[in-house]
């Protein structure tokens, strides 16, 4: 029987994604509990899939390095996602589209 090793647990990609998502929540103050739960799920998803994709793209084979990348993606991914959503909300999309689309000449 294999002995329990903390290092294996702490460098597991799922643990790294969860901890990264929890750290990312610290950057979103004032959200309700439901919003924080949704943000935690979104941060975990960003870390689990985005982090894994980044690890594969970079060709990382070390489990420790992979866990670090996944953690970083989880910690920053939710913050970046939140900033993008806020930027979209504050953009005058209708005005931008009206200027971009060709107008009928009278």
PDB file of N, CA and C in Angstrom:
ATOM      1  N   UNK A   1       0.835  -1.175   0.000  1.00  0.00           N
ATOM      2  CA  UNK A   1       0.000   0.000   0.000  1.00  0.00           C
ATOM      3  C   UNK A   1       0.887   1.248   0.000  1.00  0.00           C
ATOM      4  N   UNK A   2       0.531   2.207  -0.846  1.00  0.00           N
ATOM      5  CA  UNK A   2       1.302   3.430  -0.973  1.00  0.00           C
ATOM      6  C   UNK A   2       1.009   4.372   0.199  1.00  0.00           C
ATOM      7  N   UNK A   3       2.045   4.984   0.726  1.00  0.00           N
ATOM      8  CA  UNK A   3       1.861   5.903   1.845  1.00  0.00           C
ATOM      9  C   UNK A   3       1.329   7.250   1.337  1.00  0.00           C
ATOM     10  N   UNK A   4       0.631   7.947   2.205  1.00  0.00           N
ATOM     11  CA  UNK A   4       0.050   9.247   1.882  1.00  0.00           C
ATOM     12  C   UNK A   4       1.143  10.302   1.834  1.00  0.00           C
ATOM     13  N   UNK A   5       1.225  11.041   0.747  1.00  0.00           N
ATOM     14  CA  UNK A   5       2.250  12.071   0.611  1.00  0.00           C
ATOM     15  C   UNK A   5       1.587  13.407   0.306  1.00  0.00           C
ATOM     16  N   UNK A   6       1.844  14.384   1.180  1.00  0.00           N
ATOM     17  CA  UNK A   6       1.272  15.719   1.020  1.00  0.00           C
ATOM     18  C   UNK A   6       1.731  16.387  -0.259  1.00  0.00           C
ATOM     19  N   UNK A   7       2.964  16.136  -0.661  1.00  0.00           N
ATOM     20  CA  UNK A   7       3.494  16.781  -1.861  1.00  0.00           C
ATOM     21  C   UNK A   7       2.671  16.403  -3.094  1.00  0.00           C
ATOM     22  N   UNK A   8       2.259  15.170  -3.182  1.00  0.00           N
ATOM     23  CA  UNK A   8       1.431  14.741  -4.306  1.00  0.00           C
ATOM     24  C   UNK A   8       0.075  15.414  -4.282  1.00  0.00           C
ATOM     25  N   UNK A   9      -0.493  15.570  -3.096  1.00  0.00           N
ATOM     26  CA  UNK A   9      -1.797  16.227  -2.968  1.00  0.00           C
ATOM     27  C   UNK A   9      -1.681  17.704  -3.335  1.00  0.00           C
ATOM     28  N   UNK A  10      -0.675  18.378  -2.801  1.00  0.00           N
ATOM     29  CA  UNK A  10      -0.526  19.813  -3.018  1.00  0.00           C
ATOM     30  C   UNK A  10      -0.165  20.169  -4.451  1.00  0.00           C
ATOM     31  N   UNK A  11       0.445  19.254  -5.181  1.00  0.00           N
ATOM     32  CA  UNK A  11       0.795  19.535  -6.575  1.00  0.00           C
ATOM     33  C   UNK A  11      -0.190  18.926  -7.560  1.00  0.00           C
ATOM     34  N   UNK A  12      -1.288  18.407  -7.070  1.00  0.00           N
ATOM     35  CA  UNK A  12      -2.305  17.856  -7.961  1.00  0.00           C
ATOM     36  C   UNK A  12      -2.998  19.001  -8.693  1.00  0.00           C
ATOM     37  N   UNK A  13      -3.248  18.869  -9.992  1.00  0.00           N
ATOM     38  CA  UNK A  13      -3.862  19.962 -10.759  1.00  0.00           C
ATOM     39  C   UNK A  13      -5.212  20.428 -10.218  1.00  0.00           C
ATOM     40  N   UNK A  14      -6.028  19.539  -9.713  1.00  0.00           N
ATOM     41  CA  UNK A  14      -7.340  19.932  -9.190  1.00  0.00           C
ATOM     42  C   UNK A  14      -7.183  20.791  -7.938  1.00  0.00           C
ATOM     43  N   UNK A  15      -6.259  20.431  -7.069  1.00  0.00           N
ATOM     44  CA  UNK A  15      -5.998  21.218  -5.859  1.00  0.00           C
ATOM     45  C   UNK A  15      -5.447  22.588  -6.254  1.00  0.00           C
ATOM     46  N   UNK A  16      -4.528  22.621  -7.217  1.00  0.00           N
ATOM     47  CA  UNK A  16      -3.959  23.894  -7.669  1.00  0.00           C
ATOM     48  C   UNK A  16      -5.038  24.790  -8.265  1.00  0.00           C
ATOM     49  N   UNK A  17      -5.956  24.216  -9.037  1.00  0.00           N
ATOM     50  CA  UNK A  17      -7.041  25.000  -9.629  1.00  0.00           C
ATOM     51  C   UNK A  17      -7.978  25.548  -8.556  1.00  0.00           C
ATOM     52  N   UNK A  18      -8.308  24.730  -7.571  1.00  0.00           N
ATOM     53  CA  UNK A  18      -9.208  25.169  -6.503  1.00  0.00           C
ATOM     54  C   UNK A  18      -8.577  26.283  -5.668  1.00  0.00           C
ATOM     55  N   UNK A  19      -7.327  26.122  -5.292  1.00  0.00           N
ATOM     56  CA  UNK A  19      -6.659  27.150  -4.479  1.00  0.00           C
ATOM     57  C   UNK A  19      -6.485  28.434  -5.285  1.00  0.00           C
ATOM     58  N   UNK A  20      -6.155  28.313  -6.554  1.00  0.00           N
ATOM     59  CA  UNK A  20      -6.034  29.498  -7.406  1.00  0.00           C
ATOM     60  C   UNK A  20      -7.344  30.239  -7.530  1.00  0.00           C
ATOM     61  N   UNK A  21      -8.439  29.503  -7.659  1.00  0.00           N
ATOM     62  CA  UNK A  21      -9.762  30.134  -7.747  1.00  0.00           C
ATOM     63  C   UNK A  21     -10.118  30.837  -6.442  1.00  0.00           C
ATOM     64  N   UNK A  22      -9.776  30.236  -5.316  1.00  0.00           N
ATOM     65  CA  UNK A  22     -10.057  30.852  -4.016  1.00  0.00           C
ATOM     66  C   UNK A  22      -9.243  32.133  -3.852  1.00  0.00           C
ATOM     67  N   UNK A  23      -7.985  32.112  -4.257  1.00  0.00           N
ATOM     68  CA  UNK A  23      -7.152  33.318  -4.189  1.00  0.00           C
ATOM     69  C   UNK A  23      -7.709  34.395  -5.113  1.00  0.00           C
ATOM     70  N   UNK A  24      -8.196  34.002  -6.281  1.00  0.00           N
ATOM     71  CA  UNK A  24      -8.794  34.952  -7.214  1.00  0.00           C
ATOM     72  C   UNK A  24     -10.021  35.642  -6.654  1.00  0.00           C
ATOM     73  N   UNK A  25     -10.747  34.981  -5.761  1.00  0.00           N
ATOM     74  CA  UNK A  25     -11.926  35.590  -5.142  1.00  0.00           C
ATOM     75  C   UNK A  25     -11.567  36.809  -4.303  1.00  0.00           C
ATOM     76  N   UNK A  26     -10.365  36.848  -3.767  1.00  0.00           N
ATOM     77  CA  UNK A  26      -9.944  37.978  -2.926  1.00  0.00           C
ATOM     78  C   UNK A  26      -9.943  39.289  -3.700  1.00  0.00           C
ATOM     79  N   UNK A  27      -9.845  39.228  -5.006  1.00  0.00           N
ATOM     80  CA  UNK A  27      -9.796  40.433  -5.829  1.00  0.00           C
ATOM     81  C   UNK A  27     -11.186  40.961  -6.183  1.00  0.00           C
ATOM     82  N   UNK A  28     -12.228  40.268  -5.771  1.00  0.00           N
ATOM     83  CA  UNK A  28     -13.589  40.675  -6.110  1.00  0.00           C
ATOM     84  C   UNK A  28     -14.377  41.001  -4.846  1.00  0.00           C
ATOM     85  N   UNK A  29     -14.094  42.123  -4.202  1.00  0.00           N
ATOM     86  CA  UNK A  29     -14.786  42.446  -2.952  1.00  0.00           C
ATOM     87  C   UNK A  29     -16.226  42.886  -3.200  1.00  0.00           C
ATOM     88  N   UNK A  30     -17.051  42.736  -2.187  1.00  0.00           N
ATOM     89  CA  UNK A  30     -18.411  43.249  -2.234  1.00  0.00           C
ATOM     90  C   UNK A  30     -19.427  42.352  -2.913  1.00  0.00           C
ATOM     91  N   UNK A  31     -19.036  41.236  -3.424  1.00  0.00           N
ATOM     92  CA  UNK A  31     -19.982  40.349  -4.084  1.00  0.00           C
ATOM     93  C   UNK A  31     -20.778  39.575  -3.036  1.00  0.00           C
ATOM     94  N   UNK A  32     -22.020  39.243  -3.393  1.00  0.00           N
ATOM     95  CA  UNK A  32     -22.845  38.451  -2.475  1.00  0.00           C
ATOM     96  C   UNK A  32     -22.310  37.023  -2.400  1.00  0.00           C
ATOM     97  N   UNK A  33     -22.849  36.255  -1.466  1.00  0.00           N
ATOM     98  CA  UNK A  33     -22.390  34.866  -1.325  1.00  0.00           C
ATOM     99  C   UNK A  33     -22.671  34.051  -2.585  1.00  0.00           C
ATOM    100  N   UNK A  34     -23.828  34.285  -3.199  1.00  0.00           N
ATOM    101  CA  UNK A  34     -24.161  33.563  -4.423  1.00  0.00           C
ATOM    102  C   UNK A  34     -23.203  33.954  -5.552  1.00  0.00           C
ATOM    103  N   UNK A  35     -22.894  35.251  -5.655  1.00  0.00           N
ATOM    104  CA  UNK A  35     -21.945  35.695  -6.672  1.00  0.00           C
ATOM    105  C   UNK A  35     -20.556  35.115  -6.420  1.00  0.00           C
ATOM    106  N   UNK A  36     -20.164  35.068  -5.151  1.00  0.00           N
ATOM    107  CA  UNK A  36     -18.854  34.490  -4.835  1.00  0.00           C
ATOM    108  C   UNK A  36     -18.801  33.010  -5.177  1.00  0.00           C
ATOM    109  N   UNK A  37     -19.896  32.298  -4.937  1.00  0.00           N
ATOM    110  CA  UNK A  37     -19.949  30.877  -5.286  1.00  0.00           C
ATOM    111  C   UNK A  37     -19.858  30.695  -6.800  1.00  0.00           C
ATOM    112  N   UNK A  38     -20.583  31.540  -7.533  1.00  0.00           N
ATOM    113  CA  UNK A  38     -20.515  31.479  -8.998  1.00  0.00           C
ATOM    114  C   UNK A  38     -19.116  31.848  -9.491  1.00  0.00           C
ATOM    115  N   UNK A  39     -18.512  32.874  -8.866  1.00  0.00           N
ATOM    116  CA  UNK A  39     -17.151  33.269  -9.249  1.00  0.00           C
ATOM    117  C   UNK A  39     -16.138  32.175  -8.927  1.00  0.00           C
ATOM    118  N   UNK A  40     -16.354  31.479  -7.819  1.00  0.00           N
ATOM    119  CA  UNK A  40     -15.471  30.368  -7.469  1.00  0.00           C
ATOM    120  C   UNK A  40     -15.560  29.267  -8.527  1.00  0.00           C
ATOM    121  N   UNK A  41     -16.764  28.962  -8.953  1.00  0.00           N
ATOM    122  CA  UNK A  41     -16.944  27.969 -10.016  1.00  0.00           C
ATOM    123  C   UNK A  41     -16.316  28.410 -11.324  1.00  0.00           C
ATOM    124  N   UNK A  42     -16.496  29.691 -11.650  1.00  0.00           N
ATOM    125  CA  UNK A  42     -15.901  30.209 -12.888  1.00  0.00           C
ATOM    126  C   UNK A  42     -14.375  30.207 -12.797  1.00  0.00           C
ATOM    127  N   UNK A  43     -13.835  30.615 -11.648  1.00  0.00           N
ATOM    128  CA  UNK A  43     -12.382  30.620 -11.478  1.00  0.00           C
ATOM    129  C   UNK A  43     -11.801  29.218 -11.549  1.00  0.00           C
ATOM    130  N   UNK A  44     -12.500  28.276 -10.939  1.00  0.00           N
ATOM    131  CA  UNK A  44     -12.048  26.888 -11.001  1.00  0.00           C
ATOM    132  C   UNK A  44     -12.070  26.384 -12.442  1.00  0.00           C
ATOM    133  N   UNK A  45     -13.133  26.710 -13.164  1.00  0.00           N
ATOM    134  CA  UNK A  45     -13.244  26.277 -14.563  1.00  0.00           C
ATOM    135  C   UNK A  45     -12.142  26.884 -15.416  1.00  0.00           C
ATOM    136  N   UNK A  46     -11.896  28.181 -15.219  1.00  0.00           N
ATOM    137  CA  UNK A  46     -10.821  28.848 -15.967  1.00  0.00           C
ATOM    138  C   UNK A  46      -9.483  28.177 -15.669  1.00  0.00           C
ATOM    139  N   UNK A  47      -9.243  27.882 -14.389  1.00  0.00           N
ATOM    140  CA  UNK A  47      -7.971  27.257 -14.007  1.00  0.00           C
ATOM    141  C   UNK A  47      -7.869  25.834 -14.533  1.00  0.00           C
ATOM    142  N   UNK A  48      -8.951  25.078 -14.381  1.00  0.00           N
ATOM    143  CA  UNK A  48      -8.900  23.665 -14.763  1.00  0.00           C
ATOM    144  C   UNK A  48      -8.699  23.484 -16.268  1.00  0.00           C
ATOM    145  N   UNK A  49      -9.451  24.240 -17.064  1.00  0.00           N
ATOM    146  CA  UNK A  49      -9.339  24.058 -18.507  1.00  0.00           C
ATOM    147  C   UNK A  49      -8.310  24.994 -19.130  1.00  0.00           C
ATOM    148  N   UNK A  50      -8.323  26.250 -18.744  1.00  0.00           N
ATOM    149  CA  UNK A  50      -7.337  27.197 -19.285  1.00  0.00           C
ATOM    150  C   UNK A  50      -5.929  26.890 -18.820  1.00  0.00           C
ATOM    151  N   UNK A  51      -5.801  26.538 -17.535  1.00  0.00           N
ATOM    152  CA  UNK A  51      -4.486  26.197 -16.995  1.00  0.00           C
ATOM    153  C   UNK A  51      -3.928  24.936 -17.625  1.00  0.00           C
ATOM    154  N   UNK A  52      -4.790  23.940 -17.766  1.00  0.00           N
ATOM    155  CA  UNK A  52      -4.351  22.687 -18.396  1.00  0.00           C
ATOM    156  C   UNK A  52      -3.945  22.923 -19.853  1.00  0.00           C
ATOM    157  N   UNK A  53      -4.689  23.774 -20.546  1.00  0.00           N
ATOM    158  CA  UNK A  53      -4.341  24.100 -21.934  1.00  0.00           C
ATOM    159  C   UNK A  53      -3.004  24.841 -22.000  1.00  0.00           C
ATOM    160  N   UNK A  54      -2.782  25.766 -21.056  1.00  0.00           N
ATOM    161  CA  UNK A  54      -1.515  26.498 -21.028  1.00  0.00           C
ATOM    162  C   UNK A  54      -0.343  25.557 -20.753  1.00  0.00           C
ATOM    163  N   UNK A  55      -0.547  24.627 -19.834  1.00  0.00           N
ATOM    164  CA  UNK A  55       0.502  23.649 -19.510  1.00  0.00           C
ATOM    165  C   UNK A  55       0.828  22.807 -20.734  1.00  0.00           C
ATOM    166  N   UNK A  56      -0.198  22.356 -21.422  1.00  0.00           N
ATOM    167  CA  UNK A  56       0.032  21.527 -22.610  1.00  0.00           C
ATOM    168  C   UNK A  56       0.698  22.347 -23.717  1.00  0.00           C
ATOM    169  N   UNK A  57       0.241  23.585 -23.914  1.00  0.00           N
ATOM    170  CA  UNK A  57       0.817  24.450 -24.953  1.00  0.00           C
ATOM    171  C   UNK A  57       2.294  24.723 -24.701  1.00  0.00           C
ATOM    172  N   UNK A  58       2.640  24.939 -23.431  1.00  0.00           N
ATOM    173  CA  UNK A  58       4.032  25.236 -23.081  1.00  0.00           C
ATOM    174  C   UNK A  58       4.899  23.984 -23.007  1.00  0.00           C
ATOM    175  N   UNK A  59       4.287  22.817 -23.072  1.00  0.00           N
ATOM    176  CA  UNK A  59       5.045  21.569 -23.046  1.00  0.00           C
ATOM    177  C   UNK A  59       5.648  21.252 -21.685  1.00  0.00           C
ATOM    178  N   UNK A  60       4.982  21.668 -20.628  1.00  0.00           N
ATOM    179  CA  UNK A  60       5.487  21.427 -19.277  1.00  0.00           C
ATOM    180  C   UNK A  60       5.232  19.977 -18.897  1.00  0.00           C
ATOM    181  N   UNK A  61       6.263  19.299 -18.431  1.00  0.00           N
ATOM    182  CA  UNK A  61       6.112  17.902 -18.033  1.00  0.00           C
ATOM    183  C   UNK A  61       6.216  17.711 -16.521  1.00  0.00           C
ATOM    184  N   UNK A  62       6.778  18.681 -15.819  1.00  0.00           N
ATOM    185  CA  UNK A  62       6.915  18.591 -14.366  1.00  0.00           C
ATOM    186  C   UNK A  62       5.562  18.867 -13.702  1.00  0.00           C
ATOM    187  N   UNK A  63       5.158  17.981 -12.800  1.00  0.00           N
ATOM    188  CA  UNK A  63       3.881  18.151 -12.122  1.00  0.00           C
ATOM    189  C   UNK A  63       3.887  19.396 -11.234  1.00  0.00           C
ATOM    190  N   UNK A  64       5.022  19.716 -10.630  1.00  0.00           N
ATOM    191  CA  UNK A  64       5.115  20.903  -9.779  1.00  0.00           C
ATOM    192  C   UNK A  64       4.969  22.176 -10.599  1.00  0.00           C
ATOM    193  N   UNK A  65       5.640  22.240 -11.737  1.00  0.00           N
ATOM    194  CA  UNK A  65       5.515  23.417 -12.602  1.00  0.00           C
ATOM    195  C   UNK A  65       4.104  23.531 -13.159  1.00  0.00           C
ATOM    196  N   UNK A  66       3.526  22.409 -13.528  1.00  0.00           N
ATOM    197  CA  UNK A  66       2.161  22.415 -14.044  1.00  0.00           C
ATOM    198  C   UNK A  66       1.196  22.936 -12.990  1.00  0.00           C
ATOM    199  N   UNK A  67       1.355  22.506 -11.748  1.00  0.00           N
ATOM    200  CA  UNK A  67       0.494  22.984 -10.668  1.00  0.00           C
ATOM    201  C   UNK A  67       0.666  24.480 -10.463  1.00  0.00           C
ATOM    202  N   UNK A  68       1.875  24.976 -10.582  1.00  0.00           N
ATOM    203  CA  UNK A  68       2.123  26.411 -10.452  1.00  0.00           C
ATOM    204  C   UNK A  68       1.442  27.216 -11.542  1.00  0.00           C
ATOM    205  N   UNK A  69       1.513  26.735 -12.764  1.00  0.00           N
ATOM    206  CA  UNK A  69       0.854  27.428 -13.878  1.00  0.00           C
ATOM    207  C   UNK A  69      -0.661  27.406 -13.694  1.00  0.00           C
ATOM    208  N   UNK A  70      -1.194  26.261 -13.320  1.00  0.00           N
ATOM    209  CA  UNK A  70      -2.642  26.146 -13.113  1.00  0.00           C
ATOM    210  C   UNK A  70      -3.091  27.055 -11.972  1.00  0.00           C
ATOM    211  N   UNK A  71      -2.313  27.117 -10.896  1.00  0.00           N
ATOM    212  CA  UNK A  71      -2.623  28.021  -9.789  1.00  0.00           C
ATOM    213  C   UNK A  71      -2.636  29.470 -10.268  1.00  0.00           C
ATOM    214  N   UNK A  72      -1.624  29.864 -11.028  1.00  0.00           N
ATOM    215  CA  UNK A  72      -1.532  31.245 -11.517  1.00  0.00           C
ATOM    216  C   UNK A  72      -2.702  31.585 -12.441  1.00  0.00           C
ATOM    217  N   UNK A  73      -3.075  30.656 -13.288  1.00  0.00           N
ATOM    218  CA  UNK A  73      -4.216  30.891 -14.173  1.00  0.00           C
ATOM    219  C   UNK A  73      -5.491  31.037 -13.345  1.00  0.00           C
ATOM    220  N   UNK A  74      -5.642  30.231 -12.318  1.00  0.00           N
ATOM    221  CA  UNK A  74      -6.818  30.336 -11.455  1.00  0.00           C
ATOM    222  C   UNK A  74      -6.855  31.635 -10.677  1.00  0.00           C
ATOM    223  N   UNK A  75      -5.710  32.085 -10.207  1.00  0.00           N
ATOM    224  CA  UNK A  75      -5.651  33.308  -9.402  1.00  0.00           C
ATOM    225  C   UNK A  75      -5.862  34.558 -10.247  1.00  0.00           C
ATOM    226  N   UNK A  76      -5.379  34.556 -11.471  1.00  0.00           N
ATOM    227  CA  UNK A  76      -5.490  35.744 -12.314  1.00  0.00           C
ATOM    228  C   UNK A  76      -6.624  35.670 -13.329  1.00  0.00           C
ATOM    229  N   UNK A  77      -7.028  34.478 -13.689  1.00  0.00           N
ATOM    230  CA  UNK A  77      -8.049  34.330 -14.723  1.00  0.00           C
ATOM    231  C   UNK A  77      -9.370  34.973 -14.370  1.00  0.00           C
ATOM    232  N   UNK A  78      -9.804  34.803 -13.144  1.00  0.00           N
ATOM    233  CA  UNK A  78     -11.077  35.374 -12.719  1.00  0.00           C
ATOM    234  C   UNK A  78     -10.994  36.895 -12.662  1.00  0.00           C
ATOM    235  N   UNK A  79      -9.868  37.429 -12.256  1.00  0.00           N
ATOM    236  CA  UNK A  79      -9.683  38.879 -12.201  1.00  0.00           C
ATOM    237  C   UNK A  79      -9.727  39.465 -13.615  1.00  0.00           C
ATOM    238  N   UNK A  80      -9.033  38.832 -14.543  1.00  0.00           N
ATOM    239  CA  UNK A  80      -9.028  39.297 -15.929  1.00  0.00           C
ATOM    240  C   UNK A  80     -10.426  39.179 -16.524  1.00  0.00           C
ATOM    241  N   UNK A  81     -11.099  38.079 -16.272  1.00  0.00           N
ATOM    242  CA  UNK A  81     -12.454  37.875 -16.779  1.00  0.00           C
ATOM    243  C   UNK A  81     -13.386  38.956 -16.248  1.00  0.00           C
ATOM    244  N   UNK A  82     -13.285  39.263 -14.964  1.00  0.00           N
ATOM    245  CA  UNK A  82     -14.115  40.294 -14.347  1.00  0.00           C
ATOM    246  C   UNK A  82     -13.844  41.658 -14.975  1.00  0.00           C
ATOM    247  N   UNK A  83     -12.574  41.973 -15.223  1.00  0.00           N
ATOM    248  CA  UNK A  83     -12.216  43.250 -15.839  1.00  0.00           C
ATOM    249  C   UNK A  83     -12.767  43.360 -17.255  1.00  0.00           C
ATOM    250  N   UNK A  84     -12.725  42.271 -17.997  1.00  0.00           N
ATOM    251  CA  UNK A  84     -13.268  42.270 -19.355  1.00  0.00           C
ATOM    252  C   UNK A  84     -14.777  42.491 -19.325  1.00  0.00           C
ATOM    253  N   UNK A  85     -15.476  41.832 -18.420  1.00  0.00           N
ATOM    254  CA  UNK A  85     -16.926  42.001 -18.309  1.00  0.00           C
ATOM    255  C   UNK A  85     -17.266  43.444 -17.941  1.00  0.00           C
ATOM    256  N   UNK A  86     -16.529  44.033 -16.995  1.00  0.00           N
ATOM    257  CA  UNK A  86     -16.770  45.434 -16.612  1.00  0.00           C
ATOM    258  C   UNK A  86     -16.498  46.376 -17.783  1.00  0.00           C
ATOM    259  N   UNK A  87     -15.465  46.104 -18.566  1.00  0.00           N
ATOM    260  CA  UNK A  87     -15.159  46.935 -19.733  1.00  0.00           C
ATOM    261  C   UNK A  87     -16.276  46.844 -20.772  1.00  0.00           C
ATOM    262  N   UNK A  88     -16.796  45.660 -20.960  1.00  0.00           N
ATOM    263  CA  UNK A  88     -17.899  45.488 -21.909  1.00  0.00           C
ATOM    264  C   UNK A  88     -19.135  46.233 -21.426  1.00  0.00           C
ATOM    265  N   UNK A  89     -19.415  46.163 -20.125  1.00  0.00           N
ATOM    266  CA  UNK A  89     -20.581  46.853 -19.562  1.00  0.00           C
ATOM    267  C   UNK A  89     -20.463  48.366 -19.704  1.00  0.00           C
ATOM    268  N   UNK A  90     -19.258  48.899 -19.585  1.00  0.00           N
ATOM    269  CA  UNK A  90     -19.080  50.348 -19.632  1.00  0.00           C
ATOM    270  C   UNK A  90     -18.897  50.896 -21.040  1.00  0.00           C
ATOM    271  N   UNK A  91     -18.820  50.030 -22.027  1.00  0.00           N
ATOM    272  CA  UNK A  91     -18.633  50.463 -23.402  1.00  0.00           C
ATOM    273  C   UNK A  91     -19.970  50.844 -24.012  1.00  0.00           C
ATOM    274  N   UNK A  92     -19.971  51.956 -24.735  1.00  0.00           N
ATOM    275  CA  UNK A  92     -21.170  52.377 -25.454  1.00  0.00           C
ATOM    276  C   UNK A  92     -21.209  51.610 -26.776  1.00  0.00           C
ATOM    277  N   UNK A  93     -21.669  50.377 -26.683  1.00  0.00           N
ATOM    278  CA  UNK A  93     -21.656  49.492 -27.845  1.00  0.00           C
ATOM    279  C   UNK A  93     -22.553  50.009 -28.958  1.00  0.00           C
ATOM    280  N   UNK A  94     -23.718  50.550 -28.609  1.00  0.00           N
ATOM    281  CA  UNK A  94     -24.632  51.066 -29.629  1.00  0.00           C
ATOM    282  C   UNK A  94     -23.999  52.223 -30.388  1.00  0.00           C
ATOM    283  N   UNK A  95     -23.350  53.139 -29.673  1.00  0.00           N
ATOM    284  CA  UNK A  95     -22.683  54.262 -30.331  1.00  0.00           C
ATOM    285  C   UNK A  95     -21.533  53.807 -31.199  1.00  0.00           C
ATOM    286  N   UNK A  96     -20.790  52.848 -30.706  1.00  0.00           N
ATOM    287  CA  UNK A  96     -19.663  52.328 -31.476  1.00  0.00           C
ATOM    288  C   UNK A  96     -20.146  51.665 -32.765  1.00  0.00           C
ATOM    289  N   UNK A  97     -21.193  50.859 -32.665  1.00  0.00           N
ATOM    290  CA  UNK A  97     -21.735  50.194 -33.851  1.00  0.00           C
ATOM    291  C   UNK A  97     -22.334  51.196 -34.833  1.00  0.00           C
ATOM    292  N   UNK A  98     -23.001  52.230 -34.316  1.00  0.00           N
ATOM    293  CA  UNK A  98     -23.585  53.240 -35.191  1.00  0.00           C
ATOM    294  C   UNK A  98     -22.499  53.962 -35.992  1.00  0.00           C
ATOM    295  N   UNK A  99     -21.365  54.232 -35.380  1.00  0.00           N
ATOM    296  CA  UNK A  99     -20.262  54.883 -36.098  1.00  0.00           C
ATOM    297  C   UNK A  99     -19.559  53.940 -37.047  1.00  0.00           C
ATOM    298  N   UNK A 100     -19.560  52.677 -36.735  1.00  0.00           N
ATOM    299  CA  UNK A 100     -18.837  51.700 -37.553  1.00  0.00           C
ATOM    300  C   UNK A 100     -19.633  51.274 -38.785  1.00  0.00           C
ATOM    301  N   UNK A 101     -20.953  51.117 -38.611  1.00  0.00           N
ATOM    302  CA  UNK A 101     -21.791  50.665 -39.733  1.00  0.00           C
ATOM    303  C   UNK A 101     -21.941  51.765 -40.765  1.00  0.00           C
ATOM    304  N   UNK A 102     -22.004  51.387 -42.027  1.00  0.00           N
ATOM    305  CA  UNK A 102     -22.201  52.399 -43.072  1.00  0.00           C
ATOM    306  C   UNK A 102     -23.596  53.002 -42.957  1.00  0.00           C
ATOM    307  N   UNK A 103     -23.664  54.294 -43.218  1.00  0.00           N
ATOM    308  CA  UNK A 103     -24.951  54.991 -43.139  1.00  0.00           C
ATOM    309  C   UNK A 103     -25.499  55.238 -44.530  1.00  0.00           C
ATOM    310  N   UNK A 104     -26.785  55.347 -44.551  1.00  0.00           N
ATOM    311  CA  UNK A 104     -27.470  55.645 -45.814  1.00  0.00           C
ATOM    312  C   UNK A 104     -27.296  57.125 -46.121  1.00  0.00           C
ATOM    313  N   UNK A 105     -26.811  57.435 -47.305  1.00  0.00           N
ATOM    314  CA  UNK A 105     -26.607  58.833 -47.685  1.00  0.00           C
ATOM    315  C   UNK A 105     -27.886  59.401 -48.255  1.00  0.00           C
ATOM    316  N   UNK A 106     -28.228  60.613 -47.797  1.00  0.00           N
ATOM    317  CA  UNK A 106     -29.467  61.247 -48.287  1.00  0.00           C
ATOM    318  C   UNK A 106     -29.202  62.095 -49.485  1.00  0.00           C
TER     319      UNK A 106
END
